[in-house]
Amino acid sequence: MRKKYSPQFKAKIVQEILREEKSINQLASDHEVHVTQLRKWKRKAVEGLPELFRADQRKNDDVKKLEAEQERLYAEIGRLTTQLNWLKKKGFDIE
C-alpha cells in the first residue's frame, strides 16, 4: 500500500532540501521517504516557482482592470445623474 503525504509535509521537506543543511539521503532516512520521491518533489517545487510569480502578476493585472472598469462605471453614473437632473429641471415627469 502506498503512503500518502500531505501538501504541508511535502512543502516542509522541500524547504529542508533547499536549505541544504542535510543531504537528500539524510532527509530521506529521517522522514522515511524514498530519495527518488524527494527529488521529484524538489523538481516539481522548483519548476512551479515561476508560476507563483506569474499568478501574482495576473492578480495585479486583474485588479487594475477592475479599477478601470469601476472608474468607467462611476463616470457613467455621473453622466446619467446629470442628464436625469436636467430632465427633471425641464419638467419631464420621471419616476
N, C-alpha and C. Protein backbone atom coordinates (compact mmCIF):
# COMPACT_ATOMS: atom_id res chain seq x y z
N MET A 1 0.84 -1.18 0.00
CA MET A 1 0.00 0.00 0.00
C MET A 1 0.89 1.25 0.00
N ARG A 2 0.51 2.21 -0.83
CA ARG A 2 1.30 3.44 -0.97
C ARG A 2 1.00 4.40 0.16
N LYS A 3 2.03 5.09 0.57
CA LYS A 3 1.85 6.14 1.58
C LYS A 3 1.37 7.41 0.89
N LYS A 4 0.54 8.15 1.61
CA LYS A 4 0.08 9.44 1.10
C LYS A 4 0.62 10.52 2.03
N TYR A 5 1.15 11.57 1.43
CA TYR A 5 1.73 12.65 2.21
C TYR A 5 0.95 13.93 1.95
N SER A 6 0.77 14.71 2.99
CA SER A 6 0.03 15.97 2.86
C SER A 6 0.88 17.00 2.12
N PRO A 7 0.24 17.96 1.48
CA PRO A 7 0.99 19.03 0.83
C PRO A 7 1.88 19.80 1.82
N GLN A 8 1.42 19.95 3.05
CA GLN A 8 2.22 20.65 4.06
C GLN A 8 3.50 19.87 4.36
N PHE A 9 3.37 18.56 4.46
CA PHE A 9 4.54 17.72 4.73
C PHE A 9 5.54 17.82 3.57
N LYS A 10 5.03 17.74 2.34
CA LYS A 10 5.90 17.83 1.17
C LYS A 10 6.61 19.17 1.13
N ALA A 11 5.88 20.24 1.40
CA ALA A 11 6.47 21.58 1.38
C ALA A 11 7.56 21.71 2.44
N LYS A 12 7.29 21.16 3.61
CA LYS A 12 8.28 21.22 4.69
C LYS A 12 9.57 20.50 4.28
N ILE A 13 9.42 19.34 3.68
CA ILE A 13 10.59 18.55 3.25
C ILE A 13 11.35 19.28 2.15
N VAL A 14 10.62 19.83 1.18
CA VAL A 14 11.28 20.55 0.08
C VAL A 14 12.04 21.76 0.64
N GLN A 15 11.47 22.45 1.61
CA GLN A 15 12.19 23.57 2.22
C GLN A 15 13.49 23.09 2.85
N GLU A 16 13.44 21.96 3.53
CA GLU A 16 14.65 21.41 4.13
C GLU A 16 15.67 21.04 3.06
N ILE A 17 15.21 20.50 1.95
CA ILE A 17 16.11 20.15 0.86
C ILE A 17 16.79 21.41 0.33
N LEU A 18 16.00 22.46 0.12
CA LEU A 18 16.54 23.70 -0.44
C LEU A 18 17.50 24.40 0.52
N ARG A 19 17.32 24.21 1.81
CA ARG A 19 18.24 24.80 2.79
C ARG A 19 19.62 24.17 2.71
N GLU A 20 19.67 22.95 2.23
CA GLU A 20 20.92 22.19 2.05
C GLU A 20 21.70 22.03 3.35
N GLU A 21 21.00 21.96 4.47
CA GLU A 21 21.67 21.70 5.74
C GLU A 21 21.96 20.21 5.91
N LYS A 22 21.12 19.38 5.30
CA LYS A 22 21.31 17.94 5.32
C LYS A 22 21.24 17.44 3.88
N SER A 23 21.85 16.31 3.64
CA SER A 23 21.78 15.74 2.29
C SER A 23 20.39 15.14 2.07
N ILE A 24 20.07 14.93 0.82
CA ILE A 24 18.77 14.33 0.49
C ILE A 24 18.69 12.93 1.09
N ASN A 25 19.81 12.22 1.10
CA ASN A 25 19.82 10.87 1.70
C ASN A 25 19.50 10.94 3.19
N GLN A 26 20.06 11.91 3.88
CA GLN A 26 19.78 12.06 5.31
C GLN A 26 18.30 12.38 5.55
N LEU A 27 17.77 13.31 4.74
CA LEU A 27 16.35 13.68 4.88
C LEU A 27 15.45 12.49 4.58
N ALA A 28 15.80 11.72 3.56
CA ALA A 28 15.01 10.54 3.21
C ALA A 28 14.99 9.57 4.38
N SER A 29 16.11 9.38 5.00
CA SER A 29 16.19 8.48 6.15
C SER A 29 15.42 9.03 7.34
N ASP A 30 15.58 10.32 7.61
CA ASP A 30 14.90 10.95 8.75
C ASP A 30 13.38 10.87 8.64
N HIS A 31 12.88 11.08 7.42
CA HIS A 31 11.43 11.17 7.23
C HIS A 31 10.82 9.90 6.62
N GLU A 32 11.66 8.90 6.40
CA GLU A 32 11.22 7.63 5.85
C GLU A 32 10.49 7.78 4.52
N VAL A 33 11.13 8.56 3.64
CA VAL A 33 10.62 8.77 2.28
C VAL A 33 11.77 8.42 1.34
N HIS A 34 11.44 7.77 0.23
CA HIS A 34 12.48 7.35 -0.71
C HIS A 34 13.14 8.57 -1.34
N VAL A 35 14.44 8.44 -1.58
CA VAL A 35 15.23 9.54 -2.15
C VAL A 35 14.66 10.01 -3.48
N THR A 36 14.26 9.06 -4.32
CA THR A 36 13.70 9.41 -5.62
C THR A 36 12.45 10.27 -5.46
N GLN A 37 11.62 9.95 -4.49
CA GLN A 37 10.42 10.72 -4.25
C GLN A 37 10.76 12.16 -3.84
N LEU A 38 11.77 12.29 -2.99
CA LEU A 38 12.19 13.63 -2.57
C LEU A 38 12.70 14.45 -3.75
N ARG A 39 13.44 13.80 -4.62
CA ARG A 39 13.94 14.51 -5.82
C ARG A 39 12.78 14.96 -6.70
N LYS A 40 11.75 14.14 -6.83
CA LYS A 40 10.58 14.51 -7.63
C LYS A 40 9.87 15.71 -7.01
N TRP A 41 9.70 15.68 -5.68
CA TRP A 41 9.05 16.81 -5.00
C TRP A 41 9.84 18.10 -5.19
N LYS A 42 11.16 17.98 -5.08
CA LYS A 42 12.02 19.16 -5.25
C LYS A 42 11.89 19.71 -6.67
N ARG A 43 11.98 18.81 -7.66
CA ARG A 43 11.88 19.24 -9.06
C ARG A 43 10.54 19.92 -9.31
N LYS A 44 9.47 19.32 -8.81
CA LYS A 44 8.13 19.88 -9.01
C LYS A 44 8.02 21.27 -8.36
N ALA A 45 8.58 21.42 -7.17
CA ALA A 45 8.54 22.70 -6.47
C ALA A 45 9.33 23.76 -7.22
N VAL A 46 10.52 23.43 -7.65
CA VAL A 46 11.38 24.39 -8.34
C VAL A 46 10.75 24.78 -9.68
N GLU A 47 10.18 23.83 -10.39
CA GLU A 47 9.54 24.14 -11.68
C GLU A 47 8.29 24.99 -11.48
N GLY A 48 7.62 24.84 -10.34
CA GLY A 48 6.39 25.59 -10.08
C GLY A 48 6.59 26.99 -9.54
N LEU A 49 7.80 27.31 -9.10
CA LEU A 49 8.05 28.64 -8.53
C LEU A 49 7.73 29.80 -9.47
N PRO A 50 8.16 29.75 -10.73
CA PRO A 50 7.84 30.88 -11.62
C PRO A 50 6.33 31.12 -11.76
N GLU A 51 5.56 30.06 -11.71
CA GLU A 51 4.10 30.20 -11.84
C GLU A 51 3.52 31.00 -10.67
N LEU A 52 4.10 30.88 -9.49
CA LEU A 52 3.64 31.65 -8.35
C LEU A 52 3.75 33.15 -8.62
N PHE A 53 4.85 33.54 -9.24
CA PHE A 53 5.06 34.96 -9.52
C PHE A 53 4.20 35.43 -10.69
N ARG A 54 3.94 34.54 -11.64
CA ARG A 54 3.03 34.89 -12.73
C ARG A 54 1.62 35.09 -12.18
N ALA A 55 1.24 34.25 -11.23
CA ALA A 55 -0.09 34.37 -10.63
C ALA A 55 -0.23 35.72 -9.94
N ASP A 56 0.82 36.18 -9.25
CA ASP A 56 0.78 37.49 -8.61
C ASP A 56 0.61 38.58 -9.66
N GLN A 57 1.32 38.46 -10.77
CA GLN A 57 1.22 39.46 -11.83
C GLN A 57 -0.19 39.47 -12.42
N ARG A 58 -0.78 38.28 -12.61
CA ARG A 58 -2.15 38.21 -13.14
C ARG A 58 -3.13 38.86 -12.18
N LYS A 59 -2.93 38.64 -10.87
CA LYS A 59 -3.82 39.26 -9.89
C LYS A 59 -3.71 40.78 -9.97
N ASN A 60 -2.49 41.29 -10.09
CA ASN A 60 -2.30 42.74 -10.20
C ASN A 60 -2.96 43.28 -11.46
N ASP A 61 -2.82 42.56 -12.57
CA ASP A 61 -3.46 42.98 -13.82
C ASP A 61 -4.98 42.96 -13.68
N ASP A 62 -5.52 41.93 -13.03
CA ASP A 62 -6.96 41.84 -12.83
C ASP A 62 -7.47 42.98 -11.96
N VAL A 63 -6.73 43.33 -10.92
CA VAL A 63 -7.13 44.44 -10.05
C VAL A 63 -7.14 45.75 -10.83
N LYS A 64 -6.13 45.95 -11.66
CA LYS A 64 -6.07 47.17 -12.48
C LYS A 64 -7.26 47.24 -13.44
N LYS A 65 -7.61 46.11 -14.05
CA LYS A 65 -8.75 46.09 -14.97
C LYS A 65 -10.05 46.40 -14.22
N LEU A 66 -10.21 45.83 -13.03
CA LEU A 66 -11.41 46.09 -12.24
C LEU A 66 -11.50 47.55 -11.81
N GLU A 67 -10.37 48.13 -11.44
CA GLU A 67 -10.36 49.54 -11.06
C GLU A 67 -10.71 50.43 -12.24
N ALA A 68 -10.21 50.11 -13.42
CA ALA A 68 -10.54 50.88 -14.62
C ALA A 68 -12.02 50.76 -14.94
N GLU A 69 -12.56 49.55 -14.82
CA GLU A 69 -13.99 49.34 -15.07
C GLU A 69 -14.83 50.09 -14.05
N GLN A 70 -14.41 50.08 -12.79
CA GLN A 70 -15.12 50.81 -11.75
C GLN A 70 -15.12 52.32 -12.05
N GLU A 71 -13.98 52.84 -12.47
CA GLU A 71 -13.89 54.27 -12.81
C GLU A 71 -14.81 54.61 -13.97
N ARG A 72 -14.85 53.73 -14.98
CA ARG A 72 -15.73 53.96 -16.14
C ARG A 72 -17.19 53.97 -15.71
N LEU A 73 -17.55 53.03 -14.83
CA LEU A 73 -18.94 52.95 -14.37
C LEU A 73 -19.33 54.16 -13.52
N TYR A 74 -18.41 54.62 -12.67
CA TYR A 74 -18.69 55.82 -11.88
C TYR A 74 -18.89 57.03 -12.80
N ALA A 75 -18.10 57.13 -13.85
CA ALA A 75 -18.25 58.22 -14.81
C ALA A 75 -19.62 58.13 -15.50
N GLU A 76 -20.02 56.92 -15.84
CA GLU A 76 -21.34 56.72 -16.47
C GLU A 76 -22.46 57.09 -15.52
N ILE A 77 -22.33 56.72 -14.25
CA ILE A 77 -23.34 57.09 -13.25
C ILE A 77 -23.43 58.61 -13.14
N GLY A 78 -22.28 59.27 -13.11
CA GLY A 78 -22.27 60.73 -13.03
C GLY A 78 -22.95 61.36 -14.23
N ARG A 79 -22.66 60.84 -15.42
CA ARG A 79 -23.27 61.39 -16.65
C ARG A 79 -24.78 61.19 -16.63
N LEU A 80 -25.23 60.01 -16.25
CA LEU A 80 -26.66 59.73 -16.22
C LEU A 80 -27.38 60.53 -15.15
N THR A 81 -26.73 60.74 -14.02
CA THR A 81 -27.32 61.56 -12.96
C THR A 81 -27.49 62.99 -13.43
N THR A 82 -26.50 63.51 -14.11
CA THR A 82 -26.58 64.86 -14.65
C THR A 82 -27.72 64.97 -15.66
N GLN A 83 -27.84 64.00 -16.54
CA GLN A 83 -28.93 64.00 -17.53
C GLN A 83 -30.29 63.93 -16.84
N LEU A 84 -30.42 63.08 -15.85
CA LEU A 84 -31.68 62.93 -15.12
C LEU A 84 -32.05 64.24 -14.43
N ASN A 85 -31.10 64.89 -13.78
CA ASN A 85 -31.37 66.16 -13.12
C ASN A 85 -31.79 67.23 -14.13
N TRP A 86 -31.16 67.23 -15.30
CA TRP A 86 -31.51 68.21 -16.33
C TRP A 86 -32.95 67.97 -16.82
N LEU A 87 -33.31 66.70 -17.02
CA LEU A 87 -34.67 66.38 -17.46
C LEU A 87 -35.69 66.78 -16.41
N LYS A 88 -35.39 66.54 -15.14
CA LYS A 88 -36.30 66.92 -14.07
C LYS A 88 -36.46 68.44 -14.02
N LYS A 89 -35.36 69.16 -14.24
CA LYS A 89 -35.39 70.63 -14.22
C LYS A 89 -36.24 71.16 -15.36
N LYS A 90 -36.26 70.50 -16.50
CA LYS A 90 -37.03 70.93 -17.67
C LYS A 90 -38.50 70.51 -17.55
N GLY A 91 -38.85 69.80 -16.50
CA GLY A 91 -40.24 69.49 -16.26
C GLY A 91 -40.71 68.14 -16.75
N PHE A 92 -39.84 67.31 -17.16
CA PHE A 92 -40.23 65.96 -17.57
C PHE A 92 -40.60 65.17 -16.34
N ASP A 93 -41.66 64.36 -16.47
CA ASP A 93 -42.12 63.55 -15.35
C ASP A 93 -41.32 62.24 -15.35
N ILE A 94 -40.38 62.15 -14.45
CA ILE A 94 -39.50 60.99 -14.36
C ILE A 94 -39.73 60.30 -13.02
N GLU A 95 -39.98 59.02 -13.06
CA GLU A 95 -40.17 58.29 -11.81
C GLU A 95 -39.05 57.33 -11.57
